[in-house]
Amino acid sequence: MAGSTTAERGERQQESSGPPPARRFTPPRLRTIIILAVALVVLAAGSVWVLYGSNWLRVERVSVSGTRILTPAQVREAADVPVGAPLISVDTDAIEARLRRKLPRIDVVDVERSWPHGIGLKVTERTPVLLVQKGQNFVEVDDDGVRFATVSEAPKGVPALELTLSRPGSRAASLRRFDESRLVREAVRIAGAVPAAVAKDTRTVKVRSYDDISLELTGGRTVVWGSGEKSAVKARTLTALMKASPDARHFDVSVPTAPASSGS
């Protein structure tokens, strides 16, 4: 080696500084990779079979909670959950849509999978804040102004809504500017703002126009409210006015900065 020439040493240096030869998989390593790949395929196929093909994770029961007026049987029938189907394949959005369409009394519904065999239906029903008389029946109206149900008996503690646009031409004029649904929403807005102590005594919310809405209370008392604007201020004003004039029978808070009471 000591006698090697400079050229020979350069050639050996070039060979040692070049890229390392490509490593080849030995048969044991290749076999391990193949086994792992096959195992993953088998695991995936098994998971799909368990979720969709086996009887282990199928719908066997449908539970209902949160009902007040509706019965669990009514909710189950409207939901039409595919009992016996794979739990993973149940379309919860479709069930929710069916319930809202078939049962307008439902305000909010949550459809949940309850592994391994259940579907849970948690409903929140609408609460009536006003009633509209229709023949011998009553239409329930919620706090969004939605007319959601017709009942033969008026629920206790829910005031009636009267649209009495009586002045000549006032009905047509009001309805041109504010359609009936807008007037109903305005009445709902006021019913929701009335102080609790007054709300329990309210029997009727009477709408003559958008800015002429009044309340009829027990004992022949009345409240002129006006429009639904500044309802929070009007509610506070009414509370103070009733305390200041406990024997009055008529109250006017349509202009809350200048309230009035009369009749004792």
Protein backbone atom coordinates (compact mmCIF):
# COMPACT_ATOMS: atom_id res chain seq x y z
CA MET A 1 0.00 0.00 0.00
CA ALA A 2 2.93 2.31 0.73
CA GLY A 3 4.05 1.96 -2.85
CA SER A 4 0.79 2.85 -4.45
CA THR A 5 0.85 5.74 -6.83
CA THR A 6 -0.92 9.02 -6.44
CA ALA A 7 -3.31 8.07 -9.26
CA GLU A 8 -4.32 4.81 -7.53
CA ARG A 9 -4.99 6.64 -4.28
CA GLY A 10 -7.16 9.17 -6.11
CA GLU A 11 -9.20 6.41 -7.74
CA ARG A 12 -9.81 4.73 -4.38
CA GLN A 13 -10.80 8.08 -2.86
CA GLN A 14 -13.32 8.69 -5.64
CA GLU A 15 -14.85 5.25 -5.15
CA SER A 16 -15.23 5.75 -1.38
CA SER A 17 -16.77 9.23 -1.70
CA GLY A 18 -19.51 8.20 -4.16
CA PRO A 19 -23.21 7.53 -3.23
CA PRO A 20 -23.74 4.38 -1.15
CA PRO A 21 -25.21 1.46 -2.98
CA ALA A 22 -29.02 1.16 -2.77
CA ARG A 23 -30.20 -1.02 0.10
CA ARG A 24 -32.34 -3.88 -0.93
CA PHE A 25 -35.12 -5.37 1.18
CA THR A 26 -34.16 -8.69 2.51
CA PRO A 27 -36.78 -11.44 2.22
CA PRO A 28 -37.73 -11.29 5.97
CA ARG A 29 -38.40 -7.53 5.85
CA LEU A 30 -40.52 -7.80 2.68
CA ARG A 31 -42.49 -10.62 4.27
CA THR A 32 -43.22 -8.46 7.34
CA ILE A 33 -44.57 -5.62 5.19
CA ILE A 34 -46.85 -7.98 3.29
CA ILE A 35 -48.18 -9.47 6.53
CA LEU A 36 -48.92 -5.99 7.94
CA ALA A 37 -50.69 -4.92 4.74
CA VAL A 38 -52.85 -8.03 4.76
CA ALA A 39 -53.66 -7.49 8.45
CA LEU A 40 -54.77 -3.91 7.77
CA VAL A 41 -57.02 -5.03 4.92
CA VAL A 42 -58.56 -7.74 7.09
CA LEU A 43 -59.06 -5.26 9.96
CA ALA A 44 -60.75 -2.72 7.67
CA ALA A 45 -62.99 -5.37 6.14
CA GLY A 46 -63.86 -6.65 9.60
CA SER A 47 -64.76 -3.17 10.81
CA VAL A 48 -67.03 -2.60 7.81
CA TRP A 49 -68.71 -5.94 8.41
CA VAL A 50 -69.24 -5.22 12.11
CA LEU A 51 -70.76 -1.79 11.36
CA TYR A 52 -72.90 -2.74 8.36
CA GLY A 53 -73.20 -6.50 8.05
CA SER A 54 -73.38 -7.96 11.54
CA ASN A 55 -76.30 -7.97 13.97
CA TRP A 56 -74.20 -6.49 16.75
CA LEU A 57 -74.74 -2.77 15.97
CA ARG A 58 -78.30 -2.55 14.65
CA VAL A 59 -81.22 -0.37 15.78
CA GLU A 60 -83.30 -2.22 18.34
CA ARG A 61 -84.94 0.57 20.35
CA VAL A 62 -85.99 4.22 20.00
CA SER A 63 -86.16 6.32 23.18
CA VAL A 64 -88.06 9.62 23.46
CA SER A 65 -87.59 12.36 26.07
CA GLY A 66 -88.80 15.92 26.63
CA THR A 67 -92.45 15.53 25.58
CA ARG A 68 -95.20 17.46 27.38
CA ILE A 69 -98.31 17.44 25.19
CA LEU A 70 -97.10 14.98 22.58
CA THR A 71 -96.76 11.33 23.54
CA PRO A 72 -93.61 9.26 22.97
CA ALA A 73 -95.67 7.01 20.67
CA GLN A 74 -96.57 9.99 18.45
CA VAL A 75 -92.94 11.04 18.22
CA ARG A 76 -91.76 7.51 17.37
CA GLU A 77 -94.39 7.15 14.67
CA ALA A 78 -93.52 10.49 13.07
CA ALA A 79 -89.76 9.80 13.31
CA ASP A 80 -90.12 6.48 11.44
CA VAL A 81 -86.71 5.25 12.56
CA PRO A 82 -85.66 2.17 10.50
CA VAL A 83 -85.55 -0.43 13.29
CA GLY A 84 -83.26 -3.30 12.32
CA ALA A 85 -81.03 -1.15 10.12
CA PRO A 86 -77.31 -0.75 10.87
CA LEU A 87 -76.99 2.01 13.46
CA ILE A 88 -74.19 3.68 11.51
CA SER A 89 -76.37 4.05 8.41
CA VAL A 90 -79.32 5.83 10.09
CA ASP A 91 -79.85 9.30 8.57
CA THR A 92 -80.36 11.46 11.67
CA ASP A 93 -80.93 14.63 9.61
CA ALA A 94 -83.78 12.96 7.72
CA ILE A 95 -85.39 11.87 11.00
CA GLU A 96 -85.17 15.43 12.34
CA ALA A 97 -86.74 16.81 9.15
CA ARG A 98 -89.62 14.31 9.35
CA LEU A 99 -90.36 15.22 12.95
CA ARG A 100 -90.43 18.95 12.21
CA ARG A 101 -92.66 18.43 9.19
CA LYS A 102 -95.13 16.02 10.78
CA LEU A 103 -95.23 17.53 14.28
CA PRO A 104 -95.13 21.36 14.13
CA ARG A 105 -95.49 21.43 17.91
CA ILE A 106 -91.81 20.41 18.09
CA ASP A 107 -89.52 23.43 18.33
CA VAL A 108 -86.14 21.71 18.76
CA VAL A 109 -85.20 18.05 18.30
CA ASP A 110 -81.89 16.25 18.80
CA VAL A 111 -81.47 12.84 17.16
CA GLU A 112 -78.57 10.86 18.60
CA ARG A 113 -77.13 7.39 18.15
CA SER A 114 -76.97 5.49 21.43
CA TRP A 115 -74.48 2.70 20.86
CA PRO A 116 -74.77 -0.19 20.44
CA HIS A 117 -78.52 -0.53 19.67
CA GLY A 118 -80.43 2.72 20.25
CA ILE A 119 -81.62 5.97 18.72
CA GLY A 120 -82.46 8.79 21.15
CA LEU A 121 -85.01 11.51 20.29
CA LYS A 122 -84.86 14.53 22.60
CA VAL A 123 -87.61 17.03 21.79
CA THR A 124 -88.50 20.50 23.03
CA GLU A 125 -92.10 21.48 22.37
CA ARG A 126 -93.28 24.96 21.50
CA THR A 127 -95.01 26.88 24.29
CA PRO A 128 -98.10 28.93 23.43
CA VAL A 129 -98.03 32.60 24.43
CA LEU A 130 -101.23 33.60 22.62
CA LEU A 131 -104.39 31.90 21.35
CA VAL A 132 -106.35 32.77 18.22
CA GLN A 133 -109.94 31.56 18.29
CA LYS A 134 -110.99 29.70 15.15
CA GLY A 135 -114.61 28.63 15.33
CA GLN A 136 -114.93 26.42 18.38
CA ASN A 137 -111.19 25.73 18.46
CA PHE A 138 -108.08 27.66 19.40
CA VAL A 139 -104.86 28.08 17.42
CA GLU A 140 -101.73 28.17 19.59
CA VAL A 141 -99.10 30.79 18.77
CA ASP A 142 -95.55 30.59 20.16
CA ASP A 143 -93.08 33.35 21.01
CA ASP A 144 -91.83 33.43 17.41
CA GLY A 145 -95.34 34.07 16.10
CA VAL A 146 -95.61 30.52 14.72
CA ARG A 147 -99.12 29.06 14.68
CA PHE A 148 -98.23 25.51 15.49
CA ALA A 149 -101.32 23.65 16.73
CA THR A 150 -105.11 23.75 16.89
CA VAL A 151 -106.73 22.59 20.11
CA SER A 152 -110.35 22.23 21.19
CA GLU A 153 -109.74 23.51 24.72
CA ALA A 154 -107.87 26.70 25.57
CA PRO A 155 -104.78 26.10 27.72
CA LYS A 156 -105.01 27.79 31.10
CA GLY A 157 -103.10 31.01 31.58
CA VAL A 158 -102.64 31.76 27.87
CA PRO A 159 -104.27 35.03 26.74
CA ALA A 160 -106.41 35.29 23.64
CA LEU A 161 -105.38 37.38 20.65
CA GLU A 162 -108.02 39.58 19.03
CA LEU A 163 -107.47 41.41 15.76
CA THR A 164 -110.17 44.10 15.91
CA LEU A 165 -109.37 46.60 13.18
CA SER A 166 -112.71 48.26 13.51
CA ARG A 167 -112.35 51.84 12.24
CA PRO A 168 -113.50 52.36 8.62
CA GLY A 169 -110.63 51.61 6.31
CA SER A 170 -108.24 50.93 9.19
CA ARG A 171 -108.10 47.21 8.53
CA ALA A 172 -107.18 47.64 4.88
CA ALA A 173 -104.69 50.40 5.66
CA SER A 174 -103.01 48.43 8.45
CA LEU A 175 -102.82 45.26 6.43
CA ARG A 176 -101.32 47.12 3.48
CA ARG A 177 -98.50 48.39 5.66
CA PHE A 178 -98.26 45.48 8.13
CA ASP A 179 -99.64 42.12 7.10
CA GLU A 180 -101.53 39.98 9.60
CA SER A 181 -98.50 37.88 10.48
CA ARG A 182 -96.55 41.06 11.35
CA LEU A 183 -99.38 42.24 13.60
CA VAL A 184 -99.45 38.83 15.29
CA ARG A 185 -95.69 38.98 15.87
CA GLU A 186 -96.09 42.45 17.39
CA ALA A 187 -98.74 41.12 19.78
CA VAL A 188 -96.43 38.22 20.67
CA ARG A 189 -93.60 40.65 21.29
CA ILE A 190 -95.76 42.59 23.75
CA ALA A 191 -97.09 39.47 25.46
CA GLY A 192 -93.52 38.40 26.12
CA ALA A 193 -92.57 41.79 27.56
CA VAL A 194 -95.50 42.18 29.97
CA PRO A 195 -94.36 41.99 33.62
CA ALA A 196 -94.92 38.56 35.16
CA ALA A 197 -97.38 39.91 37.74
CA VAL A 198 -99.47 41.39 34.92
CA ALA A 199 -99.07 38.48 32.52
CA LYS A 200 -100.84 36.05 34.86
CA ASP A 201 -103.87 38.39 34.89
CA THR A 202 -103.88 39.09 31.14
CA ARG A 203 -106.91 37.64 29.40
CA THR A 204 -106.77 39.27 25.97
CA VAL A 205 -104.25 41.07 23.76
CA LYS A 206 -106.30 43.28 21.44
CA VAL A 207 -104.75 44.59 18.21
CA ARG A 208 -106.48 47.49 16.44
CA SER A 209 -103.42 48.52 14.43
CA TYR A 210 -99.63 48.29 14.63
CA ASP A 211 -99.40 51.11 17.19
CA ASP A 212 -102.75 50.54 18.94
CA ILE A 213 -102.44 47.39 21.01
CA SER A 214 -104.01 46.98 24.44
CA LEU A 215 -104.36 44.38 27.17
CA GLU A 216 -107.52 43.30 28.93
CA LEU A 217 -106.85 42.08 32.46
CA THR A 218 -108.94 40.39 35.10
CA GLY A 219 -111.32 42.59 37.06
CA GLY A 220 -112.19 44.72 34.05
CA ARG A 221 -108.81 46.44 34.02
CA THR A 222 -107.16 47.56 30.77
CA VAL A 223 -103.70 48.61 29.66
CA VAL A 224 -103.09 50.75 26.58
CA TRP A 225 -99.69 49.61 25.33
CA GLY A 226 -99.39 51.15 21.88
CA SER A 227 -96.84 49.44 19.62
CA GLY A 228 -94.26 46.88 20.62
CA GLU A 229 -91.51 49.48 20.50
CA LYS A 230 -89.81 50.30 23.82
CA SER A 231 -91.66 47.39 25.42
CA ALA A 232 -89.03 46.88 28.12
CA VAL A 233 -89.40 50.53 29.21
CA LYS A 234 -93.19 50.25 29.07
CA ALA A 235 -93.10 47.15 31.25
CA ARG A 236 -91.09 48.93 33.94
CA THR A 237 -93.35 51.97 33.69
CA LEU A 238 -96.48 49.82 34.06
CA THR A 239 -95.10 48.12 37.16
CA ALA A 240 -94.37 51.49 38.79
CA LEU A 241 -97.74 52.90 37.70
CA MET A 242 -99.68 50.00 39.20
CA LYS A 243 -97.81 50.33 42.48
CA ALA A 244 -98.50 54.06 42.58
CA SER A 245 -102.20 53.62 41.69
CA PRO A 246 -103.25 50.19 43.02
CA ASP A 247 -106.96 50.96 42.75
CA ALA A 248 -106.87 52.25 39.16
CA ARG A 249 -108.62 50.25 36.45
CA HIS A 250 -107.17 51.79 33.31
CA PHE A 251 -103.49 52.32 32.55
CA ASP A 252 -101.81 53.95 29.57
CA VAL A 253 -98.09 53.36 28.89
CA SER A 254 -98.21 53.94 25.13
CA VAL A 255 -95.92 56.94 25.79
CA PRO A 256 -93.78 55.61 28.65
CA THR A 257 -92.40 59.05 29.52
CA ALA A 258 -95.96 60.29 30.14
CA PRO A 259 -97.94 57.38 31.63
CA ALA A 260 -101.46 57.77 32.93
CA SER A 261 -103.97 55.89 35.07
CA SER A 262 -107.63 56.42 35.76
CA GLY A 263 -110.75 54.86 37.28
CA SER A 264 -110.74 53.68 40.84
